[in-house]
Protein backbone atom coordinates (compact mmCIF):
# COMPACT_ATOMS: atom_id res chain seq x y z
CA GLY A 1 42.42 9.60 201.92
CA ALA A 2 42.39 7.58 198.76
CA MET A 3 39.22 6.09 197.36
CA THR A 4 38.77 2.36 197.08
CA ARG A 5 39.17 0.81 193.64
CA ARG A 6 35.40 0.65 193.13
CA TYR A 7 34.74 4.28 194.02
CA PHE A 8 37.80 5.41 192.05
CA ILE A 9 36.46 3.74 188.89
CA GLU A 10 33.01 5.28 189.47
CA ALA A 11 34.59 8.72 189.96
CA LEU A 12 36.61 8.26 186.76
CA ARG A 13 33.44 7.48 184.82
CA ASP A 14 31.70 10.54 186.22
CA ARG A 15 34.60 12.90 185.60
CA LEU A 16 35.43 11.54 182.15
CA GLY A 17 31.78 11.82 181.13
CA GLY A 18 31.88 15.51 182.00
CA LEU A 19 35.11 16.03 180.05
CA ARG A 20 34.00 14.34 176.84
CA ASN A 21 33.74 17.43 174.69
CA ARG A 22 35.66 19.98 176.70
CA ARG A 23 39.16 19.18 177.87
CA GLN A 24 41.85 16.62 178.15
CA ALA A 25 42.68 14.58 181.22
CA SER A 26 45.59 12.46 182.35
CA LEU A 27 45.55 9.14 184.16
CA LEU A 28 48.62 8.33 186.25
CA LEU A 29 49.36 4.90 187.67
CA ILE A 30 51.64 4.69 190.70
CA ASP A 31 53.17 1.33 191.65
CA LEU A 32 55.31 1.40 194.78
CA ASP A 33 58.42 -0.73 194.45
CA HIS A 34 59.47 -2.80 197.48
CA PHE A 35 56.38 -1.88 199.52
CA LYS A 36 56.01 -5.46 200.82
CA GLN A 37 59.60 -5.34 202.04
CA LEU A 38 58.87 -2.05 203.83
CA ASN A 39 55.86 -3.64 205.55
CA ASP A 40 57.79 -6.79 206.46
CA THR A 41 60.76 -4.83 207.83
CA PHE A 42 59.04 -2.00 209.71
CA GLY A 43 55.52 -3.36 210.26
CA HIS A 44 52.11 -2.68 208.80
CA GLN A 45 51.54 0.37 210.97
CA PHE A 46 54.59 2.03 209.40
CA GLY A 47 53.43 0.92 205.95
CA ASP A 48 50.03 2.52 206.57
CA LEU A 49 51.73 5.78 207.55
CA ALA A 50 53.85 5.67 204.39
CA LEU A 51 50.72 5.16 202.26
CA ALA A 52 48.93 8.00 204.04
CA HIS A 53 51.93 10.26 203.37
CA LEU A 54 51.96 9.27 199.69
CA VAL A 55 48.25 10.03 199.35
CA GLY A 56 48.61 13.35 201.19
CA GLU A 57 51.48 14.51 198.99
CA THR A 58 49.68 13.35 195.85
CA GLN A 59 46.58 15.30 196.88
CA ARG A 60 48.73 18.37 197.56
CA ILE A 61 50.31 18.20 194.10
CA PHE A 62 47.16 17.29 192.17
CA GLU A 63 44.55 19.39 193.98
CA ASP A 64 41.86 18.65 191.39
CA GLY A 65 42.87 15.03 191.00
CA VAL A 66 40.92 11.94 191.94
CA ILE A 67 43.10 9.45 193.84
CA GLY A 68 42.25 5.81 194.36
CA ARG A 69 43.97 2.75 195.74
CA LEU A 70 43.81 0.07 193.06
CA GLY A 71 45.64 -2.66 194.95
CA GLY A 72 48.03 -3.14 197.85
CA ASP A 73 50.76 -0.92 196.44
CA GLU A 74 49.07 0.50 193.35
CA PHE A 75 47.32 3.85 193.05
CA GLY A 76 45.61 5.71 190.25
CA VAL A 77 45.35 9.48 189.86
CA MET A 78 43.06 11.14 187.34
CA VAL A 79 44.02 14.75 186.67
CA PRO A 80 41.12 16.47 184.87
CA HIS A 81 43.01 19.27 183.17
CA GLY A 82 46.04 17.21 182.18
CA ASP A 83 48.47 20.03 182.99
CA VAL A 84 51.83 18.59 181.92
CA ALA A 85 53.83 20.96 184.16
CA VAL A 86 51.92 19.77 187.23
CA ILE A 87 52.13 16.12 186.21
CA ASN A 88 55.91 16.34 185.77
CA LYS A 89 56.32 17.43 189.41
């Protein structure tokens, strides 16, 4: 699953500290459009499943990434190697 905002920020600090002199990294911000409407129409249980699917697919694509939920429909992903080909998926 995704980390909470607090743990995501702590993980970013740890990972970025280790990358300081070695490599680049990328930070992606994901904001889901119309997520409230999805919850209101299909229910919170369906919304939770949609979020779990998003996190699972994001973890599959960015295997080395750190994923955190920043807010209700906002997620952050830190990709340590910053591989542009992977990010463009």
